[in-house]
C-alpha atoms as a PDB file:
ATOM      1  CA  UNK A   1      -5.001 -12.352 -23.725  1.00  0.00           C
ATOM      2  CA  UNK A   2      -8.202 -11.872 -21.749  1.00  0.00           C
ATOM      3  CA  UNK A   3      -6.433  -9.637 -19.220  1.00  0.00           C
ATOM      4  CA  UNK A   4      -4.725  -7.791 -22.041  1.00  0.00           C
ATOM      5  CA  UNK A   5      -8.097  -6.955 -23.597  1.00  0.00           C
ATOM      6  CA  UNK A   6      -9.336  -5.559 -20.288  1.00  0.00           C
ATOM      7  CA  UNK A   7      -6.238  -3.392 -19.790  1.00  0.00           C
ATOM      8  CA  UNK A   8      -6.446  -2.069 -23.341  1.00  0.00           C
ATOM      9  CA  UNK A   9     -10.107  -1.209 -22.743  1.00  0.00           C
ATOM     10  CA  UNK A  10      -9.400   0.585 -19.452  1.00  0.00           C
ATOM     11  CA  UNK A  11      -6.572   2.474 -21.190  1.00  0.00           C
ATOM     12  CA  UNK A  12      -9.109   4.043 -23.596  1.00  0.00           C
ATOM     13  CA  UNK A  13     -11.792   4.985 -21.033  1.00  0.00           C
ATOM     14  CA  UNK A  14     -12.752   8.572 -20.315  1.00  0.00           C
ATOM     15  CA  UNK A  15     -13.415   9.764 -16.753  1.00  0.00           C
ATOM     16  CA  UNK A  16      -9.794   9.680 -15.591  1.00  0.00           C
ATOM     17  CA  UNK A  17      -8.300  12.640 -13.763  1.00  0.00           C
ATOM     18  CA  UNK A  18      -4.610  13.029 -14.660  1.00  0.00           C
ATOM     19  CA  UNK A  19      -4.219   9.242 -14.672  1.00  0.00           C
ATOM     20  CA  UNK A  20      -6.358   8.626 -11.577  1.00  0.00           C
ATOM     21  CA  UNK A  21      -9.345   6.353 -12.180  1.00  0.00           C
ATOM     22  CA  UNK A  22     -12.793   6.122 -10.564  1.00  0.00           C
ATOM     23  CA  UNK A  23     -13.360   3.044  -8.383  1.00  0.00           C
ATOM     24  CA  UNK A  24     -16.064   1.278 -10.385  1.00  0.00           C
ATOM     25  CA  UNK A  25     -16.645   0.052 -13.946  1.00  0.00           C
ATOM     26  CA  UNK A  26     -20.126  -0.990 -15.048  1.00  0.00           C
ATOM     27  CA  UNK A  27     -20.073  -4.606 -16.199  1.00  0.00           C
ATOM     28  CA  UNK A  28     -22.905  -3.773 -18.595  1.00  0.00           C
ATOM     29  CA  UNK A  29     -21.590  -0.653 -20.338  1.00  0.00           C
ATOM     30  CA  UNK A  30     -17.866  -1.131 -19.713  1.00  0.00           C
ATOM     31  CA  UNK A  31     -17.666   2.543 -18.663  1.00  0.00           C
ATOM     32  CA  UNK A  32     -16.546   4.081 -15.380  1.00  0.00           C
ATOM     33  CA  UNK A  33     -19.318   4.823 -12.883  1.00  0.00           C
ATOM     34  CA  UNK A  34     -19.233   6.999  -9.723  1.00  0.00           C
ATOM     35  CA  UNK A  35     -17.208   9.586 -11.596  1.00  0.00           C
ATOM     36  CA  UNK A  36     -15.254  12.175  -9.636  1.00  0.00           C
ATOM     37  CA  UNK A  37     -14.190   9.950  -6.718  1.00  0.00           C
ATOM     38  CA  UNK A  38     -10.492   9.036  -6.614  1.00  0.00           C
ATOM     39  CA  UNK A  39      -8.674   6.912  -4.039  1.00  0.00           C
ATOM     40  CA  UNK A  40      -5.661   4.620  -3.814  1.00  0.00           C
ATOM     41  CA  UNK A  41      -7.366   2.682  -1.025  1.00  0.00           C
ATOM     42  CA  UNK A  42     -10.011  -0.039  -1.040  1.00  0.00           C
ATOM     43  CA  UNK A  43     -11.358  -1.081  -4.469  1.00  0.00           C
ATOM     44  CA  UNK A  44      -8.822   0.965  -6.450  1.00  0.00           C
ATOM     45  CA  UNK A  45      -5.371   0.092  -5.111  1.00  0.00           C
ATOM     46  CA  UNK A  46      -4.495  -2.917  -7.277  1.00  0.00           C
ATOM     47  CA  UNK A  47      -5.144  -1.075 -10.548  1.00  0.00           C
ATOM     48  CA  UNK A  48      -2.138   1.187  -9.972  1.00  0.00           C
ATOM     49  CA  UNK A  49       0.031  -1.663  -8.699  1.00  0.00           C
ATOM     50  CA  UNK A  50      -0.715  -3.796 -11.755  1.00  0.00           C
ATOM     51  CA  UNK A  51       0.058  -1.091 -14.299  1.00  0.00           C
ATOM     52  CA  UNK A  52       3.683  -1.217 -13.178  1.00  0.00           C
ATOM     53  CA  UNK A  53       3.877  -4.937 -12.452  1.00  0.00           C
ATOM     54  CA  UNK A  54       2.330  -6.058 -15.754  1.00  0.00           C
ATOM     55  CA  UNK A  55       4.804  -3.815 -17.569  1.00  0.00           C
ATOM     56  CA  UNK A  56       7.687  -5.445 -15.654  1.00  0.00           C
ATOM     57  CA  UNK A  57       6.280  -8.963 -16.033  1.00  0.00           C
ATOM     58  CA  UNK A  58       5.958  -8.568 -19.797  1.00  0.00           C
ATOM     59  CA  UNK A  59       9.602  -7.626 -20.211  1.00  0.00           C
ATOM     60  CA  UNK A  60       8.938  -3.845 -20.247  1.00  0.00           C
ATOM     61  CA  UNK A  61       7.442  -4.001 -23.745  1.00  0.00           C
ATOM     62  CA  UNK A  62       3.897  -2.688 -23.211  1.00  0.00           C
ATOM     63  CA  UNK A  63       4.343   1.065 -23.194  1.00  0.00           C
ATOM     64  CA  UNK A  64       0.654   1.833 -22.656  1.00  0.00           C
ATOM     65  CA  UNK A  65       0.896   0.270 -19.178  1.00  0.00           C
ATOM     66  CA  UNK A  66       3.975   2.318 -18.316  1.00  0.00           C
ATOM     67  CA  UNK A  67       2.416   5.532 -19.644  1.00  0.00           C
ATOM     68  CA  UNK A  68      -0.734   4.965 -17.564  1.00  0.00           C
ATOM     69  CA  UNK A  69       1.383   4.246 -14.467  1.00  0.00           C
ATOM     70  CA  UNK A  70       3.599   7.314 -14.843  1.00  0.00           C
ATOM     71  CA  UNK A  71       0.567   9.506 -15.478  1.00  0.00           C
ATOM     72  CA  UNK A  72      -1.204   8.068 -12.436  1.00  0.00           C
ATOM     73  CA  UNK A  73       1.729   8.781 -10.113  1.00  0.00           C
ATOM     74  CA  UNK A  74       1.788  12.362 -11.421  1.00  0.00           C
ATOM     75  CA  UNK A  75      -1.955  12.503 -10.682  1.00  0.00           C
ATOM     76  CA  UNK A  76      -1.304  11.307  -7.129  1.00  0.00           C
ATOM     77  CA  UNK A  77       1.314  14.019  -6.647  1.00  0.00           C
ATOM     78  CA  UNK A  78      -0.940  16.687  -8.085  1.00  0.00           C
ATOM     79  CA  UNK A  79      -4.250  15.835  -6.407  1.00  0.00           C
ATOM     80  CA  UNK A  80      -3.786  13.451  -3.463  1.00  0.00           C
ATOM     81  CA  UNK A  81      -0.478  14.228  -1.729  1.00  0.00           C
ATOM     82  CA  UNK A  82      -0.500  16.404   1.383  1.00  0.00           C
ATOM     83  CA  UNK A  83       1.598  16.770   4.539  1.00  0.00           C
ATOM     84  CA  UNK A  84       0.329  16.378   8.063  1.00  0.00           C
ATOM     85  CA  UNK A  85       0.962  18.316  11.260  1.00  0.00           C
ATOM     86  CA  UNK A  86       3.034  18.379  13.408  1.00  0.00           C
ATOM     87  CA  UNK A  87       5.567  15.928  11.878  1.00  0.00           C
ATOM     88  CA  UNK A  88       4.913  16.908   8.251  1.00  0.00           C
ATOM     89  CA  UNK A  89       4.296  13.324   7.178  1.00  0.00           C
ATOM     90  CA  UNK A  90       3.620  12.901   3.457  1.00  0.00           C
ATOM     91  CA  UNK A  91       0.368  11.010   2.941  1.00  0.00           C
ATOM     92  CA  UNK A  92      -2.051  10.084   0.145  1.00  0.00           C
ATOM     93  CA  UNK A  93      -5.590  11.341   0.716  1.00  0.00           C
ATOM     94  CA  UNK A  94      -8.749  10.996  -1.357  1.00  0.00           C
ATOM     95  CA  UNK A  95     -10.601  13.283  -3.736  1.00  0.00           C
ATOM     96  CA  UNK A  96     -14.385  13.374  -4.072  1.00  0.00           C
ATOM     97  CA  UNK A  97     -15.866  15.820  -6.583  1.00  0.00           C
ATOM     98  CA  UNK A  98     -13.034  18.280  -6.075  1.00  0.00           C
ATOM     99  CA  UNK A  99     -13.045  18.026  -2.272  1.00  0.00           C
ATOM    100  CA  UNK A 100      -9.888  16.663  -0.633  1.00  0.00           C
ATOM    101  CA  UNK A 101     -10.207  14.287   2.328  1.00  0.00           C
ATOM    102  CA  UNK A 102      -7.218  13.618   4.611  1.00  0.00           C
ATOM    103  CA  UNK A 103      -8.287   9.955   4.897  1.00  0.00           C
ATOM    104  CA  UNK A 104      -5.801   7.181   4.147  1.00  0.00           C
ATOM    105  CA  UNK A 105      -6.566   3.451   4.206  1.00  0.00           C
ATOM    106  CA  UNK A 106      -3.855   1.125   5.476  1.00  0.00           C
ATOM    107  CA  UNK A 107      -4.227  -0.525   2.042  1.00  0.00           C
ATOM    108  CA  UNK A 108      -2.499   2.538   0.501  1.00  0.00           C
ATOM    109  CA  UNK A 109       0.730   1.406   2.205  1.00  0.00           C
ATOM    110  CA  UNK A 110       1.327  -0.871  -0.812  1.00  0.00           C
ATOM    111  CA  UNK A 111       2.392   2.285  -2.668  1.00  0.00           C
ATOM    112  CA  UNK A 112       5.902   2.888  -1.248  1.00  0.00           C
ATOM    113  CA  UNK A 113       6.877  -0.647  -2.257  1.00  0.00           C
ATOM    114  CA  UNK A 114       5.448  -0.224  -5.747  1.00  0.00           C
ATOM    115  CA  UNK A 115       7.197   3.123  -6.212  1.00  0.00           C
ATOM    116  CA  UNK A 116      10.487   1.589  -5.050  1.00  0.00           C
ATOM    117  CA  UNK A 117      10.024  -1.314  -7.479  1.00  0.00           C
ATOM    118  CA  UNK A 118       9.494   1.158 -10.325  1.00  0.00           C
ATOM    119  CA  UNK A 119      12.596   3.136  -9.372  1.00  0.00           C
ATOM    120  CA  UNK A 120      14.593  -0.126  -9.235  1.00  0.00           C
ATOM    121  CA  UNK A 121      13.389  -0.828 -12.776  1.00  0.00           C
ATOM    122  CA  UNK A 122      14.787   2.419 -14.122  1.00  0.00           C
ATOM    123  CA  UNK A 123      11.933   4.850 -13.523  1.00  0.00           C
ATOM    124  CA  UNK A 124      12.571   8.360 -12.247  1.00  0.00           C
ATOM    125  CA  UNK A 125      14.544   8.724  -8.975  1.00  0.00           C
ATOM    126  CA  UNK A 126      11.908  11.014  -7.440  1.00  0.00           C
ATOM    127  CA  UNK A 127       9.661   7.935  -7.194  1.00  0.00           C
ATOM    128  CA  UNK A 128      12.189   6.521  -4.701  1.00  0.00           C
ATOM    129  CA  UNK A 129      12.175   9.780  -2.729  1.00  0.00           C
ATOM    130  CA  UNK A 130       8.393   9.629  -2.528  1.00  0.00           C
ATOM    131  CA  UNK A 131       8.578   5.952  -1.503  1.00  0.00           C
ATOM    132  CA  UNK A 132      10.915   6.861   1.373  1.00  0.00           C
ATOM    133  CA  UNK A 133       8.564   9.614   2.571  1.00  0.00           C
ATOM    134  CA  UNK A 134       5.466   7.388   2.361  1.00  0.00           C
ATOM    135  CA  UNK A 135       6.994   4.373   4.128  1.00  0.00           C
ATOM    136  CA  UNK A 136       7.895   6.691   7.015  1.00  0.00           C
ATOM    137  CA  UNK A 137       4.203   7.694   7.157  1.00  0.00           C
ATOM    138  CA  UNK A 138       3.052   4.061   7.072  1.00  0.00           C
ATOM    139  CA  UNK A 139       5.434   3.266   9.929  1.00  0.00           C
ATOM    140  CA  UNK A 140       4.045   6.219  11.920  1.00  0.00           C
ATOM    141  CA  UNK A 141       0.528   4.793  11.405  1.00  0.00           C
ATOM    142  CA  UNK A 142       1.798   2.008  13.706  1.00  0.00           C
ATOM    143  CA  UNK A 143       4.192   3.939  15.958  1.00  0.00           C
ATOM    144  CA  UNK A 144       1.721   6.688  16.937  1.00  0.00           C
ATOM    145  CA  UNK A 145      -0.921   4.186  18.105  1.00  0.00           C
ATOM    146  CA  UNK A 146      -1.188   2.815  21.644  1.00  0.00           C
ATOM    147  CA  UNK A 147      -0.665  -0.859  20.679  1.00  0.00           C
ATOM    148  CA  UNK A 148       1.905  -0.067  17.983  1.00  0.00           C
ATOM    149  CA  UNK A 149      -0.498  -1.548  15.408  1.00  0.00           C
ATOM    150  CA  UNK A 150      -2.105   0.438  12.609  1.00  0.00           C
ATOM    151  CA  UNK A 151      -5.863   0.829  12.351  1.00  0.00           C
ATOM    152  CA  UNK A 152      -7.674   0.064   9.094  1.00  0.00           C
ATOM    153  CA  UNK A 153      -8.068   3.777   8.267  1.00  0.00           C
ATOM    154  CA  UNK A 154      -6.454   6.952   9.606  1.00  0.00           C
ATOM    155  CA  UNK A 155      -7.223  10.634   9.171  1.00  0.00           C
ATOM    156  CA  UNK A 156      -4.289  13.027   9.168  1.00  0.00           C
ATOM    157  CA  UNK A 157      -4.251  16.393  10.888  1.00  0.00           C
ATOM    158  CA  UNK A 158      -3.665  19.196   8.397  1.00  0.00           C
ATOM    159  CA  UNK A 159      -3.542  21.960  11.006  1.00  0.00           C
ATOM    160  CA  UNK A 160      -1.137  22.230  13.929  1.00  0.00           C
ATOM    161  CA  UNK A 161      -2.976  21.827  17.227  1.00  0.00           C
ATOM    162  CA  UNK A 162      -1.285  21.604  20.584  1.00  0.00           C
ATOM    163  CA  UNK A 163      -1.148  18.079  21.959  1.00  0.00           C
ATOM    164  CA  UNK A 164      -2.432  16.495  18.741  1.00  0.00           C
ATOM    165  CA  UNK A 165      -0.630  13.714  16.850  1.00  0.00           C
ATOM    166  CA  UNK A 166      -0.456  13.549  13.053  1.00  0.00           C
ATOM    167  CA  UNK A 167      -2.745  10.548  13.083  1.00  0.00           C
ATOM    168  CA  UNK A 168      -6.385  10.645  14.217  1.00  0.00           C
ATOM    169  CA  UNK A 169      -8.459   7.463  14.447  1.00  0.00           C
ATOM    170  CA  UNK A 170     -12.262   7.314  14.283  1.00  0.00           C
ATOM    171  CA  UNK A 171     -14.015   4.672  16.418  1.00  0.00           C
ATOM    172  CA  UNK A 172     -15.348   2.840  13.323  1.00  0.00           C
ATOM    173  CA  UNK A 173     -11.823   2.523  11.887  1.00  0.00           C
ATOM    174  CA  UNK A 174      -9.765   1.321  14.822  1.00  0.00           C
ATOM    175  CA  UNK A 175      -9.677  -2.382  13.952  1.00  0.00           C
ATOM    176  CA  UNK A 176      -6.606  -4.216  12.658  1.00  0.00           C
ATOM    177  CA  UNK A 177      -7.041  -7.190  10.312  1.00  0.00           C
ATOM    178  CA  UNK A 178      -3.336  -8.259  10.288  1.00  0.00           C
ATOM    179  CA  UNK A 179      -2.912  -6.680   6.871  1.00  0.00           C
ATOM    180  CA  UNK A 180       0.350  -6.991   4.901  1.00  0.00           C
ATOM    181  CA  UNK A 181       0.770  -3.712   3.001  1.00  0.00           C
ATOM    182  CA  UNK A 182       3.227  -1.892   5.276  1.00  0.00           C
ATOM    183  CA  UNK A 183       5.381  -4.997   5.781  1.00  0.00           C
ATOM    184  CA  UNK A 184       5.293  -5.599   2.017  1.00  0.00           C
ATOM    185  CA  UNK A 185       6.641  -2.104   1.380  1.00  0.00           C
ATOM    186  CA  UNK A 186       9.253  -2.509   4.129  1.00  0.00           C
ATOM    187  CA  UNK A 187      10.497  -5.612   2.283  1.00  0.00           C
ATOM    188  CA  UNK A 188      10.868  -3.713  -1.019  1.00  0.00           C
ATOM    189  CA  UNK A 189      12.533  -0.759   0.695  1.00  0.00           C
ATOM    190  CA  UNK A 190      15.018  -2.974   2.527  1.00  0.00           C
ATOM    191  CA  UNK A 191      15.740  -5.057  -0.572  1.00  0.00           C
ATOM    192  CA  UNK A 192      16.498  -1.975  -2.700  1.00  0.00           C
ATOM    193  CA  UNK A 193      18.272   0.255  -0.146  1.00  0.00           C
ATOM    194  CA  UNK A 194      19.869  -2.158   2.338  1.00  0.00           C
ATOM    195  CA  UNK A 195      18.898   0.265   5.127  1.00  0.00           C
ATOM    196  CA  UNK A 196      18.500  -1.814   8.313  1.00  0.00           C
ATOM    197  CA  UNK A 197      15.923   0.583   9.776  1.00  0.00           C
ATOM    198  CA  UNK A 198      13.314  -1.093   7.564  1.00  0.00           C
ATOM    199  CA  UNK A 199      14.096  -4.443   9.186  1.00  0.00           C
ATOM    200  CA  UNK A 200      13.935  -2.776  12.611  1.00  0.00           C
ATOM    201  CA  UNK A 201      10.515  -1.299  11.872  1.00  0.00           C
ATOM    202  CA  UNK A 202       9.257  -4.678  10.662  1.00  0.00           C
ATOM    203  CA  UNK A 203      10.608  -6.341  13.810  1.00  0.00           C
ATOM    204  CA  UNK A 204       8.744  -3.807  15.969  1.00  0.00           C
ATOM    205  CA  UNK A 205       5.520  -4.519  14.088  1.00  0.00           C
ATOM    206  CA  UNK A 206       6.010  -8.283  14.441  1.00  0.00           C
ATOM    207  CA  UNK A 207       6.587  -7.936  18.189  1.00  0.00           C
ATOM    208  CA  UNK A 208       3.339  -5.964  18.508  1.00  0.00           C
ATOM    209  CA  UNK A 209       1.453  -8.588  16.490  1.00  0.00           C
ATOM    210  CA  UNK A 210       2.867 -11.140  18.949  1.00  0.00           C
ATOM    211  CA  UNK A 211       1.927  -9.044  21.964  1.00  0.00           C
ATOM    212  CA  UNK A 212      -1.623  -8.028  21.026  1.00  0.00           C
ATOM    213  CA  UNK A 213      -2.910 -10.485  18.413  1.00  0.00           C
ATOM    214  CA  UNK A 214      -1.270 -13.856  19.089  1.00  0.00           C
ATOM    215  CA  UNK A 215      -3.639 -16.483  20.469  1.00  0.00           C
ATOM    216  CA  UNK A 216      -2.189 -18.818  23.154  1.00  0.00           C
ATOM    217  CA  UNK A 217      -3.787 -21.889  21.553  1.00  0.00           C
ATOM    218  CA  UNK A 218      -2.288 -21.066  18.140  1.00  0.00           C
ATOM    219  CA  UNK A 219      -2.683 -18.537  15.357  1.00  0.00           C
ATOM    220  CA  UNK A 220      -3.310 -14.806  15.404  1.00  0.00           C
ATOM    221  CA  UNK A 221      -6.526 -12.828  15.487  1.00  0.00           C
ATOM    222  CA  UNK A 222      -7.858  -9.594  14.055  1.00  0.00           C
ATOM    223  CA  UNK A 223      -8.573  -7.066  16.805  1.00  0.00           C
ATOM    224  CA  UNK A 224     -11.311  -4.456  17.176  1.00  0.00           C
ATOM    225  CA  UNK A 225      -9.383  -1.749  19.002  1.00  0.00           C
ATOM    226  CA  UNK A 226      -5.743  -0.819  18.356  1.00  0.00           C
ATOM    227  CA  UNK A 227      -6.067   2.020  20.882  1.00  0.00           C
ATOM    228  CA  UNK A 228      -6.661  -0.212  23.902  1.00  0.00           C
ATOM    229  CA  UNK A 229      -3.560  -2.204  24.912  1.00  0.00           C
ATOM    230  CA  UNK A 230      -5.285  -3.680  27.978  1.00  0.00           C
ATOM    231  CA  UNK A 231      -8.143  -5.084  25.866  1.00  0.00           C
ATOM    232  CA  UNK A 232      -7.643  -4.894  22.094  1.00  0.00           C
ATOM    233  CA  UNK A 233     -10.908  -6.897  21.704  1.00  0.00           C
ATOM    234  CA  UNK A 234      -9.817  -9.986  19.762  1.00  0.00           C
ATOM    235  CA  UNK A 235     -12.258 -11.045  17.027  1.00  0.00           C
ATOM    236  CA  UNK A 236     -11.442 -14.774  16.913  1.00  0.00           C
ATOM    237  CA  UNK A 237     -10.778 -14.486  13.183  1.00  0.00           C
ATOM    238  CA  UNK A 238      -7.551 -14.747  11.191  1.00  0.00           C
ATOM    239  CA  UNK A 239      -7.665 -13.663   7.559  1.00  0.00           C
ATOM    240  CA  UNK A 240      -5.787 -16.015   5.216  1.00  0.00           C
ATOM    241  CA  UNK A 241      -3.669 -13.100   3.955  1.00  0.00           C
ATOM    242  CA  UNK A 242      -1.891 -13.003   7.328  1.00  0.00           C
ATOM    243  CA  UNK A 243      -0.188 -16.299   6.474  1.00  0.00           C
ATOM    244  CA  UNK A 244      -0.196 -15.838   2.702  1.00  0.00           C
ATOM    245  CA  UNK A 245       1.150 -12.276   2.664  1.00  0.00           C
ATOM    246  CA  UNK A 246       1.995 -10.610   5.992  1.00  0.00           C
ATOM    247  CA  UNK A 247       4.201 -13.404   7.340  1.00  0.00           C
ATOM    248  CA  UNK A 248       5.655 -14.148   3.893  1.00  0.00           C
ATOM    249  CA  UNK A 249       6.809 -10.535   3.549  1.00  0.00           C
ATOM    250  CA  UNK A 250       8.129 -10.593   7.134  1.00  0.00           C
ATOM    251  CA  UNK A 251      10.166 -13.696   6.263  1.00  0.00           C
ATOM    252  CA  UNK A 252      11.558 -12.025   3.126  1.00  0.00           C
ATOM    253  CA  UNK A 253      12.228  -8.744   4.978  1.00  0.00           C
ATOM    254  CA  UNK A 254      14.347 -10.506   7.593  1.00  0.00           C
ATOM    255  CA  UNK A 255      16.383 -12.412   4.993  1.00  0.00           C
ATOM    256  CA  UNK A 256      19.509 -10.947   3.429  1.00  0.00           C
ATOM    257  CA  UNK A 257      19.449 -13.444   0.543  1.00  0.00           C
ATOM    258  CA  UNK A 258      18.481 -11.467  -2.564  1.00  0.00           C
ATOM    259  CA  UNK A 259      18.000 -14.736  -4.443  1.00  0.00           C
ATOM    260  CA  UNK A 260      15.197 -15.694  -2.087  1.00  0.00           C
ATOM    261  CA  UNK A 261      12.666 -14.521  -4.711  1.00  0.00           C
ATOM    262  CA  UNK A 262      15.004 -12.392  -6.824  1.00  0.00           C
ATOM    263  CA  UNK A 263      13.044  -9.287  -7.831  1.00  0.00           C
ATOM    264  CA  UNK A 264      14.810  -9.149 -11.198  1.00  0.00           C
ATOM    265  CA  UNK A 265      13.399 -12.589 -12.015  1.00  0.00           C
ATOM    266  CA  UNK A 266      10.002 -12.559 -10.308  1.00  0.00           C
ATOM    267  CA  UNK A 267       7.173 -10.101  -9.772  1.00  0.00           C
ATOM    268  CA  UNK A 268       4.668 -10.506  -6.927  1.00  0.00           C
ATOM    269  CA  UNK A 269       0.995 -10.184  -7.668  1.00  0.00           C
ATOM    270  CA  UNK A 270      -1.136  -8.264  -5.192  1.00  0.00           C
ATOM    271  CA  UNK A 271      -1.716 -11.443  -3.142  1.00  0.00           C
ATOM    272  CA  UNK A 272       2.060 -12.078  -2.778  1.00  0.00           C
ATOM    273  CA  UNK A 273       2.267 -14.907  -5.342  1.00  0.00           C
ATOM    274  CA  UNK A 274       5.611 -14.708  -7.195  1.00  0.00           C
ATOM    275  CA  UNK A 275       5.222 -14.899 -10.983  1.00  0.00           C
ATOM    276  CA  UNK A 276       8.157 -15.269 -13.369  1.00  0.00           C
ATOM    277  CA  UNK A 277       9.134 -12.248 -15.441  1.00  0.00           C
ATOM    278  CA  UNK A 278       8.933 -13.223 -19.123  1.00  0.00           C
ATOM    279  CA  UNK A 279      12.242 -13.086 -20.902  1.00  0.00           C
ATOM    280  CA  UNK A 280      11.521 -12.551 -24.614  1.00  0.00           C
ATOM    281  CA  UNK A 281      12.937 -15.406 -26.722  1.00  0.00           C
END
């Protein structure tokens, strides 16, 4: 009930832009702050994920959640989607006071999986098309990097330049924290399409985690520099989400048992905890 109250409140707030929401809500006024800045990356990502997942978890009864989700995806298409050069990768950028930035956090790679989950639950087929385009981009965020591991943030090239890749990495953004989002989306894509390439991509990523982040004495470490295979600069720090999410989604991706967490019976929260879908009595 407490969560329900919050969602109902957010549903009524002004300051949205075609379903996209600002990143912050004042705990005093209950209103959006920092108006005009829209991202699907850090601090905003889970809002969009939970619109769909709460609707599914509640037995598809709460139409306000579905309406907000559908409107938000339209907002993404209208304001945040662009294509890079030279490979014409579809990516989700950011909008700040009307100015588009070709910046995409690795966190945004949750989106192909969420879109695929929506399409699986009867939403429009073009969501699945967009999911397929975005998961290709998320894979390229690994494949176009020297270690085969994605940095925390990439910037996409919008203009064709000779010798340039689609993905540009700034020195402050070239760390990898063993995040789960791309593997999570690979799991959803494989589960719903059966296309083995998603398993292959996940296997490649796992091999690169093993090569550049595995610690001989046990465990895995975040690294400071995905662009330097000879010294990726290990941080001596393993985030708990590597075990709790990244490896869990790897395990599920490599399994062909659809009843190993059946997605018609369970919905994952954003930390990869499976929650039962309520079946109305």
